[in-house]
Amino acid sequence: MNGQYYAMNLFYTPHIEGGLASLPEDEARHCIQALRHKAGDIIHLTDGKGGLYEARIVETGKKQCTAAIEKALPAPPPRNHCLHLAVAPTKNIARFEWFLEKATEIGVDEVTPLSCEHSERRKLRADRLSKVMVSAMKQSLKAELPRLQELTSFARFIQLPADPGTQKFIAYLGPGVKGHLKDNYQPGRDVCILIGPEGGFSPGEARAAEAAGFVPVSLGPGRLRTETAGIVACHTINLLNE
């Protein structure tokens, strides 16, 4: 994004219609109560779908803010690939939230929480996780909000249909690893990567994933925490696509 935008506050709203943008309640409160914006002020918005806008506030309230779109701003160019990370949530939810925050900042298109044999967390608050991702998108001045899917069983996920051009990998420390992710991924291609729980994928899960077309790869010589492995995978794919 151009340097002139680095100092701006970015607001998120999926509600833009007829040239008017209506901020969600939490965004409106932040805009009006915390930042003291008022009618007539210029603010900057993203719809989370690649659109970036300059708008003028036309109506305010304690929990609402409406702005008229004045112009579209240059947004970052579209990515040449789609990165889908399927990650088992950590027992300590703060660590999974940290992963979501950093992956959003680095660049990820879709995240699916996985329920695996060794998983220690079986429930999630999707609303809280979504807020973490929205905040990270705004902080990093991105115009696209990653898609957060519902918690999905490992067995179901590996059988979901994927585009024929998508490369599929499973981060694994057991036998059959085909080398490092960076040596297997082809830049420019869509990619889906499985990241296991703290106890790792079971041998049965690894075999089932490989049978479903997921190539077992390494993320490095050491054993990584789940959230660290997710960030390493995310950064590797983004770096290879620069």
Foldseek 3Di string as FASTA:
>chain_A
DDPVCLPAFEAEFLDADPQKTKGAQVSQQCVCPVVPDDAQDWHWYAHQQFWIFIWGWHDHDNRITMTGTDDTDDAPDDALAAEEEEFAQAPPNVLVLVLLLLLLLLDHAEYEHEDAPPHPDDDDDVVVSQVSQNVSCRNSVHRHGHHYDYYDYLLVVLPDDDDPQEAAAEAADDPQAPEAPLVPDDASTYYYYYFYAQVTHDPVSVVSNVVSRHHYHHLDDDDDHRSVSSNSVSNSRSVNHD
